[in-house]
Protein backbone atom coordinates (compact mmCIF):
# COMPACT_ATOMS: atom_id res chain seq x y z
CA MET A 1 -18.47 0.36 -8.08
CA VAL A 2 -18.51 3.78 -9.84
CA PHE A 3 -14.65 3.85 -9.73
CA LEU A 4 -14.63 -0.36 -11.56
CA SER A 5 -17.57 1.70 -13.96
CA MET A 6 -14.93 4.26 -14.83
CA LEU A 7 -12.37 1.51 -15.34
CA LEU A 8 -13.83 -0.24 -17.63
CA LEU A 9 -15.63 2.02 -19.71
CA VAL A 10 -12.00 3.67 -20.31
CA SER A 11 -10.60 0.46 -21.23
CA ASP A 12 -13.37 -0.82 -23.27
CA PHE A 13 -11.94 1.28 -26.45
CA GLY A 14 -10.88 -1.99 -28.00
CA TYR A 15 -7.01 -1.29 -28.07
CA GLY A 16 -5.94 -4.37 -26.00
CA GLN A 17 -3.90 -4.79 -23.57
CA VAL A 18 -2.03 -1.30 -22.12
CA ARG A 19 1.01 -1.25 -20.66
CA HIS A 20 1.00 -1.86 -16.63
CA ASP A 21 2.47 0.88 -14.95
CA GLU A 22 2.57 0.58 -10.70
CA ARG A 23 -0.44 3.01 -10.61
CA HIS A 24 -2.34 0.04 -12.66
CA ILE A 25 -1.41 -2.81 -10.34
CA GLU A 26 -1.99 -0.62 -7.24
CA VAL A 27 -5.32 -0.52 -8.22
CA SER A 28 -6.11 -3.89 -8.97
CA LEU A 29 -4.90 -5.16 -5.87
CA ARG A 30 -7.19 -2.11 -4.29
CA LEU A 31 -9.89 -4.16 -6.00
CA ILE A 32 -8.74 -7.10 -4.51
CA GLY A 33 -8.78 -5.38 -0.85
CA HIS A 34 -12.20 -3.56 -1.30
CA GLN A 35 -13.71 -7.22 -2.40
CA LEU A 36 -12.32 -9.30 0.84
CA LEU A 37 -13.83 -6.82 3.34
CA LEU A 38 -17.12 -7.12 1.28
CA LYS A 39 -16.70 -10.22 1.54
CA ALA A 40 -15.72 -10.40 5.10
CA GLY A 41 -19.16 -8.43 5.80
CA ASP A 42 -17.13 -5.33 6.23
CA SER A 43 -18.62 -2.62 4.03
CA THR A 44 -17.22 0.96 6.38
CA SER A 45 -13.31 0.61 6.54
CA ARG A 46 -11.21 1.10 4.04
CA VAL A 47 -8.22 -0.46 2.40
CA LEU A 48 -4.96 2.04 2.86
CA PRO A 49 -2.55 2.51 0.10
CA VAL A 50 -0.66 0.10 -1.40
CA ARG A 51 3.10 0.32 -0.93
CA LYS A 52 5.80 -1.58 -3.11
CA ILE A 53 8.99 -3.08 -1.73
CA ASP A 54 11.72 -4.15 -3.21
CA ASP A 55 9.90 -6.73 -6.13
CA SER A 56 6.41 -6.90 -3.69
CA TYR A 57 3.19 -4.67 -3.34
CA LEU A 58 2.18 -5.34 -0.15
CA LEU A 59 -1.85 -4.76 1.15
CA THR A 60 -3.19 -3.31 3.68
CA PHE A 61 -6.66 -2.72 5.66
CA GLN A 62 -7.51 -0.41 7.95
CA SER A 63 -9.36 -2.96 10.75
CA GLU A 64 -9.12 -6.79 11.07
CA LEU A 65 -10.67 -9.46 9.00
CA SER A 66 -10.97 -12.79 8.89
CA ILE A 67 -9.74 -14.81 5.93
CA LYS A 68 -11.04 -17.50 3.30
CA PRO A 69 -7.92 -19.13 1.81
CA ASP A 70 -10.53 -20.47 -0.88
CA ARG A 71 -11.72 -16.80 -1.41
CA LEU A 72 -8.04 -15.65 -1.38
CA VAL A 73 -7.10 -17.73 -4.20
CA SER A 74 -9.91 -17.64 -6.32
CA LEU A 75 -10.41 -13.90 -5.94
CA MET A 76 -6.92 -12.97 -6.50
CA ASP A 77 -6.44 -15.16 -9.60
CA SER A 78 -9.22 -13.55 -11.37
CA VAL A 79 -8.32 -9.94 -11.13
CA VAL A 80 -4.92 -10.93 -12.10
CA ARG A 81 -5.62 -12.66 -15.06
CA GLU A 82 -8.51 -10.44 -15.92
CA ASN A 83 -6.29 -7.79 -15.95
CA GLU A 84 -3.16 -9.38 -17.17
CA LEU A 85 -0.97 -8.73 -14.58
CA ALA A 86 1.27 -11.35 -14.25
CA MET A 87 1.95 -14.92 -15.74
CA THR A 88 3.24 -16.43 -12.06
CA TYR A 89 3.06 -14.66 -9.27
CA LEU A 90 3.08 -15.51 -5.39
CA VAL A 91 1.24 -14.27 -2.62
CA GLU A 92 2.21 -14.01 0.94
CA VAL A 93 -0.22 -13.20 3.87
CA LEU A 94 1.94 -12.06 6.98
CA GLU A 95 0.65 -11.62 10.47
CA CYS A 96 1.16 -7.42 10.82
CA GLU A 97 2.86 -7.76 14.32
CA LYS A 98 5.63 -9.96 13.74
CA ARG A 99 5.30 -10.20 9.91
CA GLU A 100 5.81 -13.94 9.69
CA VAL A 101 3.77 -15.61 6.83
CA VAL A 102 1.18 -17.43 7.64
CA TYR A 103 -0.13 -18.27 4.40
CA SER A 104 1.10 -18.32 1.11
CA PHE A 105 0.56 -19.86 -2.61
CA GLU A 106 2.22 -19.75 -6.24
CA MET A 107 -0.03 -19.21 -9.69
CA GLY A 108 1.69 -19.94 -12.66
CA HIS A 109 1.21 -21.63 -16.15
CA ALA A 110 -1.96 -23.36 -17.46
CA ASP A 111 0.90 -26.37 -17.91
CA ARG A 112 2.13 -26.24 -14.53
CA VAL A 113 0.94 -27.20 -11.01
CA ASP A 114 -0.07 -24.50 -8.79
CA ILE A 115 0.90 -24.89 -5.17
CA ILE A 116 -2.22 -23.43 -3.17
CA PRO A 117 -1.85 -25.12 0.30
CA CYS A 118 -4.25 -25.24 3.17
CA ARG A 119 -7.26 -24.13 1.24
CA GLY A 120 -9.74 -25.22 3.71
CA ARG A 121 -8.10 -23.90 7.00
CA ASP A 122 -9.58 -20.32 7.60
CA LEU A 123 -7.18 -17.79 9.13
CA PRO A 124 -9.02 -16.12 12.32
CA GLU A 125 -9.72 -12.05 12.41
CA ASP A 126 -6.22 -10.52 12.93
CA CYS A 127 -4.35 -7.61 11.57
CA TYR A 128 -3.07 -8.66 7.96
CA ILE A 129 -0.74 -7.70 5.25
CA ILE A 130 -0.98 -9.67 1.89
CA SER A 131 2.18 -9.46 -0.22
CA PHE A 132 1.95 -9.81 -4.28
CA THR A 133 4.86 -10.74 -6.10
CA ILE A 134 5.11 -11.01 -9.26
CA LEU A 135 7.46 -13.68 -10.54
CA GLU A 136 6.70 -13.68 -14.55
CA HIS A 137 4.85 -10.44 -16.14
CA ALA A 138 2.11 -11.24 -18.53
CA LEU A 139 2.80 -11.24 -22.32
CA PRO A 140 1.64 -8.58 -24.70
CA LEU A 141 -1.58 -9.85 -26.54
CA ASN A 142 -2.74 -8.61 -29.92
CA PRO A 143 -6.08 -6.54 -29.42
CA VAL A 144 -9.28 -7.63 -30.18
CA THR A 145 -12.01 -5.70 -32.42
CA PRO A 146 -14.92 -5.18 -29.84
CA ALA A 147 -17.36 -5.86 -32.96
CA THR A 148 -16.37 -9.05 -34.62
CA GLY A 149 -13.70 -10.41 -31.98
CA ASN A 150 -11.29 -11.37 -34.51
CA ILE A 151 -7.47 -10.87 -33.53
CA ALA A 152 -6.79 -7.39 -35.54
CA SER A 153 -3.80 -5.51 -36.11
CA ALA A 154 -1.88 -3.52 -33.97
CA PRO A 155 -3.21 -0.20 -34.27
CA PRO A 156 -1.34 2.75 -35.40
CA THR A 157 1.01 4.27 -33.23
CA GLY A 158 -0.50 7.78 -32.91
CA ILE A 159 -2.50 10.66 -31.30
CA MET A 160 -5.81 8.11 -30.13
CA PRO A 161 -3.60 5.65 -28.60
CA LEU A 162 -1.82 8.18 -26.57
CA ALA A 163 -4.28 10.11 -25.72
CA ILE A 164 -6.27 6.64 -24.33
CA SER A 165 -3.42 5.49 -22.24
CA GLY A 166 -2.91 9.32 -21.15
CA ALA A 167 -6.81 9.54 -20.28
CA LEU A 168 -6.63 6.38 -18.43
CA LEU A 169 -3.38 7.10 -16.47
CA VAL A 170 -5.07 10.71 -15.24
CA LEU A 171 -7.92 8.86 -14.66
CA ILE A 172 -6.56 6.45 -12.31
CA THR A 173 -4.29 8.91 -10.38
CA ALA A 174 -7.47 11.37 -9.64
CA LEU A 175 -9.24 8.51 -8.38
CA TRP A 176 -6.45 7.12 -5.94
CA LEU A 177 -6.54 10.81 -4.81
CA TRP A 178 -9.66 11.10 -4.14
CA PHE A 179 -10.23 7.64 -2.44
CA ARG A 180 -7.22 8.25 -0.37
CA GLN A 181 -8.69 11.75 0.94
CA LYS A 182 -11.56 10.83 1.39
CA GLY A 183 -10.12 7.64 3.61
CA ASN A 184 -7.90 9.91 5.60
CA GLN A 185 -10.94 12.23 6.67
CA ALA A 186 -12.59 9.11 7.76
CA ASN A 187 -9.96 7.54 9.53
CA PRO A 188 -8.45 8.76 12.92
CA GLU A 189 -5.64 7.03 12.86
CA ILE A 190 -4.39 8.63 10.36
CA ILE A 191 -2.42 11.20 11.63
CA SER A 192 -1.76 14.64 9.52
CA LEU A 193 1.39 15.96 9.68
CA GLY A 194 2.53 19.44 7.62
CA HIS A 195 2.72 17.46 3.96
CA PHE A 196 2.39 14.34 5.52
CA HIS A 197 -0.30 11.82 6.31
CA PHE A 198 1.27 9.75 9.39
CA ASP A 199 0.25 6.16 9.87
CA PRO A 200 1.18 5.04 13.19
CA ARG A 201 0.01 1.87 13.28
CA ASN A 202 1.62 0.59 9.91
CA MET A 203 4.48 3.10 10.94
CA VAL A 204 4.39 4.90 7.30
CA LEU A 205 4.98 7.81 6.38
CA VAL A 206 3.10 9.20 3.02
CA GLN A 207 3.37 12.72 0.95
CA GLY A 208 2.06 12.67 -2.53
CA ASN A 209 2.63 9.66 -3.88
CA THR A 210 5.75 8.23 -1.74
CA SER A 211 5.84 5.99 0.99
CA THR A 212 8.28 6.31 3.45
CA GLU A 213 8.78 2.94 6.31
CA LEU A 214 9.06 3.54 9.70
CA THR A 215 11.04 1.31 12.26
CA ALA A 216 8.91 0.58 15.50
CA LYS A 217 11.06 3.04 17.39
CA GLU A 218 11.31 5.97 14.85
CA CYS A 219 7.44 5.69 15.05
CA ASP A 220 7.28 5.49 18.83
CA LEU A 221 9.42 8.61 18.77
CA LEU A 222 7.57 10.48 15.82
CA LEU A 223 4.42 9.52 18.06
CA LEU A 224 5.56 11.15 21.24
CA LEU A 225 7.07 13.96 19.65
CA TYR A 226 3.62 14.65 17.60
CA GLN A 227 1.65 14.44 20.86
CA SER A 228 3.59 17.12 22.65
CA ALA A 229 4.04 19.51 19.40
CA ASN A 230 5.73 22.68 19.86
CA GLU A 231 6.53 21.80 23.66
CA THR A 232 10.09 20.37 24.62
CA LEU A 233 10.59 17.14 25.90
CA GLU A 234 12.90 16.07 28.39
CA ARG A 235 15.69 13.22 26.90
CA ASP A 236 15.02 11.02 30.21
CA TYR A 237 11.63 11.29 29.68
CA ILE A 238 11.90 10.56 25.99
CA LEU A 239 13.99 7.63 26.32
CA HIS A 240 12.23 5.89 29.38
CA GLU A 241 8.63 6.15 27.21
CA VAL A 242 10.11 4.73 23.55
CA TRP A 243 12.52 2.19 24.84
CA GLY A 244 11.73 2.04 28.63
CA ASP A 245 13.41 -0.50 30.55
CA GLU A 246 15.03 -2.14 27.39
CA GLY A 247 18.32 -1.35 28.52
CA ASP A 248 20.03 -1.74 25.54
CA TYR A 249 20.40 2.09 24.38
CA ILE A 250 23.10 4.37 24.85
CA GLY A 251 23.55 7.96 25.20
CA ARG A 252 23.65 8.40 22.16
CA THR A 253 20.44 6.11 20.62
CA LEU A 254 18.27 9.01 20.55
CA ASP A 255 20.56 11.56 18.76
CA VAL A 256 20.69 8.54 15.88
CA PHE A 257 17.09 7.90 15.91
CA VAL A 258 16.17 11.92 15.38
CA SER A 259 18.86 12.06 12.64
CA LYS A 260 17.26 9.81 11.14
CA LEU A 261 13.48 11.32 11.64
CA ARG A 262 14.81 14.28 10.47
CA LYS A 263 15.79 12.81 6.73
CA LYS A 264 12.83 11.13 6.28
CA LEU A 265 10.69 14.48 7.20
CA GLY A 266 13.14 16.45 4.76
CA GLY A 267 10.64 17.02 2.37
CA ASP A 268 8.38 19.71 4.69
CA LYS A 269 9.99 23.15 5.00
CA ASP A 270 6.93 23.41 7.51
CA LEU A 271 8.50 20.38 10.12
CA ARG A 272 11.45 20.21 12.47
CA ILE A 273 12.87 18.67 15.30
CA VAL A 274 14.45 21.29 17.22
CA ASN A 275 17.53 20.44 19.93
CA VAL A 276 17.35 22.16 22.88
CA ARG A 277 20.40 22.05 24.30
CA GLY A 278 20.90 21.07 27.33
CA VAL A 279 17.20 19.75 27.82
CA GLY A 280 16.02 17.32 24.90
CA TYR A 281 14.09 18.05 21.85
CA LYS A 282 10.41 19.01 20.45
CA LEU A 283 8.58 18.93 17.45
CA VAL A 284 8.23 22.41 15.92
CA ILE A 285 5.42 22.12 13.31
CA ASN A 286 4.71 25.80 11.59
């Protein structure tokens, strides 16, 4: 509530619509996630950092939850319209493990028919990802004067509008970092790995404002190396633990995946995956 109140306070200067950058969209989506958890009776688990893949924003959660389509449609449309995020948009609910779409709907102009199927059929408690895709961005609106409600002329370009926009951006960034740091401390599933935060469940590496997705095998390999940090693991042991009896790997498979992980960890000089010749690999954390 403090977070939402501060946002409303900054946005109440009467300068009309602020151009939405990605941080603004992410904050709005996290608000939706927060409300979904509260409606589901969950006031302790957290909404994970929003990730953008291509044109879609992915909203993920620390814990499993049930989703009521009626509630999701109403909440999503309310936040999107109040914050003027989009004219038309697509929402898809994906099951975490297989990434299959288990529910979706599309909202559009008032003169268009919205596509909202299965509104009365609740989704059982499970791990879900909510994908938000903007199909058509919102049109800029003329600002409204707070005192009279009349449409005002566009504010002059100058120091004050720029200062307000800058203050809003700084506030959103600071609060987002604070919530992320607080959530990481409370969530044992998030691993501090050098300058990264490693989330094995959602298969993602986070460094600052940058999120890097991992494949399932990359995630399993990194987790195995982390659990025996600074210790050498034999090649055969790694192959058995990560690939098991799948029988679809060859001698170079492990080297290829290690190379991919090295690139994704390249932003941190305190982390190294070392090749112990003739034996295997170890993750060195300085």
